[in-house]
Amino acid sequence: MGMFLPADISQRITMFIEGKIEFPFIKKEELMGAFFIFGKSNGINDEDEILAANDLSNRTVMHLISTVRKFHNSPFKMDSNFTKENYTKRVLEISIDLQDNTENSYSIEKMKRRIAGDPRILMDCFAQHIAWHKHDQFFEIFGPLKENQLPITLRRKLVGRMVLLGYSVKDSYSLPHKSSIFPFLEWLENLE
């Protein structure tokens, strides 16, 4: 799981954890985008794997909707201090994990990148801001992706994989592009 919109979400999460900004750190008018990639190591190769990926994506969407509902029904869970405390607990787990699993020393920057890209933190961030701003949610799954559907620079990463995208809008017509996959591909290309 990751978030690709707003494009600077990693920096915002880091600044929030450091106490430099408060929750909510995504504005109501900003588009949020989340992604889940299925078939990461070998792609999706047959009907059974497609069905499994579709089932997992449906369960992922239901979990996110449920999480949004929990945050919406418990406003104290969106309090800046409560949120920071939960993120800090996860930061401690990550730092212990890095210490236990790293033979060489790790840099503070590497740790910050790992924390800001942590799926649990990102999922909570996405769900909390959806609940806070009372946004709708829209999800769409793509794939298995074929070469002719992807820019050349992304083929190695995405051919044969399925991608679930989630946005903080009602439907695909509310997005600034004709297809909901375009903002994700554009973001991914800019990472290259």
Protein backbone atom coordinates (compact mmCIF):
# COMPACT_ATOMS: atom_id res chain seq x y z
CA MET A 1 0.00 0.00 0.00
CA GLY A 2 1.16 3.47 -0.73
CA MET A 3 -0.13 6.98 -1.24
CA PHE A 4 0.76 8.94 -4.35
CA LEU A 5 -1.41 12.01 -3.87
CA PRO A 6 -0.65 14.52 -2.58
CA ALA A 7 2.78 13.97 -4.10
CA ASP A 8 4.57 15.25 -0.98
CA ILE A 9 2.71 13.01 1.47
CA SER A 10 5.94 11.46 2.78
CA GLN A 11 7.31 14.85 3.79
CA ARG A 12 4.01 15.81 5.43
CA ILE A 13 3.89 12.62 7.49
CA THR A 14 7.49 13.17 8.60
CA MET A 15 6.75 16.79 9.54
CA PHE A 16 3.62 15.71 11.43
CA ILE A 17 5.51 13.08 13.43
CA GLU A 18 8.21 15.66 14.20
CA GLY A 19 5.54 18.07 15.49
CA LYS A 20 6.10 20.68 12.79
CA ILE A 21 2.51 20.50 11.47
CA GLU A 22 -0.82 19.40 12.93
CA PHE A 23 -3.61 17.13 11.79
CA PRO A 24 -5.24 17.45 9.33
CA PHE A 25 -2.19 17.94 7.15
CA ILE A 26 -4.05 17.34 3.90
CA LYS A 27 -6.47 20.11 2.91
CA LYS A 28 -10.09 19.38 2.05
CA GLU A 29 -9.65 20.46 -1.57
CA GLU A 30 -6.57 18.31 -2.16
CA LEU A 31 -7.00 15.05 -4.02
CA MET A 32 -5.77 11.97 -2.18
CA GLY A 33 -4.70 8.84 -4.02
CA ALA A 34 -3.75 5.44 -2.62
CA PHE A 35 -2.49 2.34 -4.42
CA PHE A 36 -2.12 -1.39 -3.86
CA ILE A 37 -0.09 -3.56 -6.23
CA PHE A 38 -0.89 -7.26 -6.63
CA GLY A 39 1.40 -9.86 -8.17
CA LYS A 40 4.48 -7.98 -7.07
CA SER A 41 7.11 -10.68 -7.57
CA ASN A 42 5.90 -12.71 -10.58
CA GLY A 43 2.84 -10.87 -11.81
CA ILE A 44 -0.65 -12.33 -12.10
CA ASN A 45 -0.44 -15.33 -14.41
CA ASP A 46 -3.79 -17.14 -14.54
CA GLU A 47 -7.50 -16.90 -13.78
CA ASP A 48 -7.11 -18.22 -10.23
CA GLU A 49 -4.58 -15.51 -9.43
CA ILE A 50 -6.84 -12.86 -11.01
CA LEU A 51 -9.75 -14.06 -8.86
CA ALA A 52 -7.53 -14.07 -5.76
CA ALA A 53 -6.29 -10.54 -6.49
CA ASN A 54 -9.86 -9.33 -7.09
CA ASP A 55 -10.98 -10.94 -3.83
CA LEU A 56 -8.09 -9.37 -1.92
CA SER A 57 -8.80 -5.98 -3.47
CA ASN A 58 -12.49 -6.23 -2.47
CA ARG A 59 -11.51 -7.10 1.09
CA THR A 60 -9.00 -4.22 1.09
CA VAL A 61 -11.69 -1.76 -0.01
CA MET A 62 -14.13 -3.07 2.62
CA HIS A 63 -11.43 -2.74 5.29
CA LEU A 64 -10.67 0.84 4.25
CA ILE A 65 -14.36 1.77 4.23
CA SER A 66 -14.75 0.21 7.67
CA THR A 67 -11.69 2.08 8.95
CA VAL A 68 -13.05 5.38 7.61
CA ARG A 69 -16.37 4.67 9.35
CA LYS A 70 -14.57 3.93 12.65
CA PHE A 71 -12.67 7.21 12.45
CA HIS A 72 -15.82 9.10 11.49
CA ASN A 73 -17.76 7.60 14.42
CA SER A 74 -14.93 8.24 16.91
CA PRO A 75 -13.79 11.84 16.38
CA PHE A 76 -11.23 11.56 19.21
CA LYS A 77 -9.31 9.15 16.96
CA MET A 78 -8.70 12.05 14.60
CA ASP A 79 -7.34 14.31 17.32
CA SER A 80 -3.84 15.47 16.41
CA ASN A 81 -2.30 14.15 19.65
CA PHE A 82 -4.05 10.78 19.41
CA THR A 83 -2.96 10.40 15.79
CA LYS A 84 0.62 11.43 16.57
CA GLU A 85 0.71 8.91 19.44
CA ASN A 86 -0.41 6.09 17.13
CA TYR A 87 2.12 7.07 14.47
CA THR A 88 4.82 7.25 17.15
CA LYS A 89 4.00 3.72 18.33
CA ARG A 90 4.43 2.53 14.77
CA VAL A 91 7.70 4.48 14.46
CA LEU A 92 9.02 2.63 17.51
CA GLU A 93 8.03 -0.72 15.99
CA ILE A 94 9.79 0.19 12.74
CA SER A 95 12.95 1.41 14.49
CA ILE A 96 13.17 -1.82 16.51
CA ASP A 97 12.60 -3.85 13.36
CA LEU A 98 15.33 -1.93 11.53
CA GLN A 99 17.76 -2.44 14.39
CA ASP A 100 16.99 -6.16 14.58
CA ASN A 101 17.13 -6.79 10.83
CA THR A 102 20.00 -4.55 9.75
CA GLU A 103 23.53 -5.88 9.89
CA ASN A 104 24.95 -2.51 8.95
CA SER A 105 23.96 0.72 10.59
CA TYR A 106 21.04 2.56 9.04
CA SER A 107 20.80 6.27 8.40
CA ILE A 108 18.21 8.60 9.85
CA GLU A 109 17.11 9.41 6.28
CA LYS A 110 16.56 5.72 5.50
CA MET A 111 14.50 5.39 8.66
CA LYS A 112 12.44 8.50 7.81
CA ARG A 113 11.73 7.12 4.31
CA ARG A 114 10.69 3.77 5.79
CA ILE A 115 8.38 5.44 8.31
CA ALA A 116 6.80 7.85 5.82
CA GLY A 117 6.16 4.94 3.45
CA ASP A 118 4.84 2.52 6.05
CA PRO A 119 1.59 0.92 4.82
CA ARG A 120 -0.10 1.03 8.24
CA ILE A 121 0.64 4.73 8.71
CA LEU A 122 -0.40 5.51 5.13
CA MET A 123 -3.65 3.54 5.41
CA ASP A 124 -4.56 5.37 8.61
CA CYS A 125 -3.57 8.69 7.05
CA PHE A 126 -5.79 8.07 4.03
CA ALA A 127 -8.75 6.85 6.13
CA GLN A 128 -8.44 9.63 8.74
CA HIS A 129 -8.40 12.40 6.18
CA ILE A 130 -11.34 10.85 4.27
CA ALA A 131 -13.29 10.77 7.56
CA TRP A 132 -12.16 14.24 8.70
CA HIS A 133 -13.11 15.96 5.44
CA LYS A 134 -16.19 13.73 4.92
CA HIS A 135 -14.97 12.82 1.44
CA ASP A 136 -16.43 10.13 -0.75
CA GLN A 137 -14.22 7.28 -1.83
CA PHE A 138 -13.73 5.78 -5.25
CA PHE A 139 -11.78 2.59 -6.00
CA GLU A 140 -10.86 0.96 -9.29
CA ILE A 141 -8.77 -2.09 -10.10
CA PHE A 142 -6.66 -2.45 -13.24
CA GLY A 143 -4.97 -5.39 -14.86
CA PRO A 144 -3.27 -7.59 -15.21
CA LEU A 145 -1.57 -4.72 -17.00
CA LYS A 146 -0.21 -5.29 -20.50
CA GLU A 147 2.79 -3.66 -22.17
CA ASN A 148 0.65 -1.56 -24.52
CA GLN A 149 -1.19 -0.04 -21.53
CA LEU A 150 1.97 1.33 -19.92
CA PRO A 151 4.67 3.87 -20.67
CA ILE A 152 7.93 2.16 -21.64
CA THR A 153 9.63 3.32 -18.43
CA LEU A 154 7.05 1.53 -16.24
CA ARG A 155 6.69 -1.75 -18.09
CA ARG A 156 9.33 -3.60 -16.09
CA LYS A 157 7.61 -2.61 -12.84
CA LEU A 158 3.97 -3.13 -13.77
CA VAL A 159 3.49 -5.58 -16.66
CA GLY A 160 1.44 -8.55 -15.46
CA ARG A 161 0.50 -6.88 -12.20
CA MET A 162 -2.85 -5.65 -10.98
CA VAL A 163 -3.22 -2.23 -9.37
CA LEU A 164 -6.02 -1.10 -7.06
CA LEU A 165 -6.36 2.68 -6.87
CA GLY A 166 -8.38 4.63 -4.32
CA TYR A 167 -9.24 8.31 -4.44
CA SER A 168 -10.94 10.84 -2.17
CA VAL A 169 -13.69 11.56 -4.70
CA LYS A 170 -17.12 10.18 -5.56
CA ASP A 171 -16.28 8.65 -8.95
CA SER A 172 -13.87 8.69 -11.89
CA TYR A 173 -15.65 11.69 -13.43
CA SER A 174 -14.50 13.75 -10.44
CA LEU A 175 -10.85 13.19 -11.32
CA PRO A 176 -8.77 15.63 -13.40
CA HIS A 177 -7.90 12.89 -15.96
CA LYS A 178 -9.90 10.72 -18.34
CA SER A 179 -8.69 7.56 -16.62
CA SER A 180 -8.08 7.06 -12.92
CA ILE A 181 -4.81 5.28 -13.66
CA PHE A 182 -3.17 8.35 -15.27
CA PRO A 183 -2.36 10.25 -12.03
CA PHE A 184 -0.77 7.09 -10.60
CA LEU A 185 1.32 6.41 -13.71
CA GLU A 186 2.38 10.06 -13.86
CA TRP A 187 3.49 9.96 -10.21
CA LEU A 188 5.33 6.67 -10.70
CA GLU A 189 7.14 8.00 -13.78
CA ASN A 190 8.28 11.06 -11.81
CA LEU A 191 9.87 8.74 -9.22
CA GLU A 192 12.12 7.26 -11.89
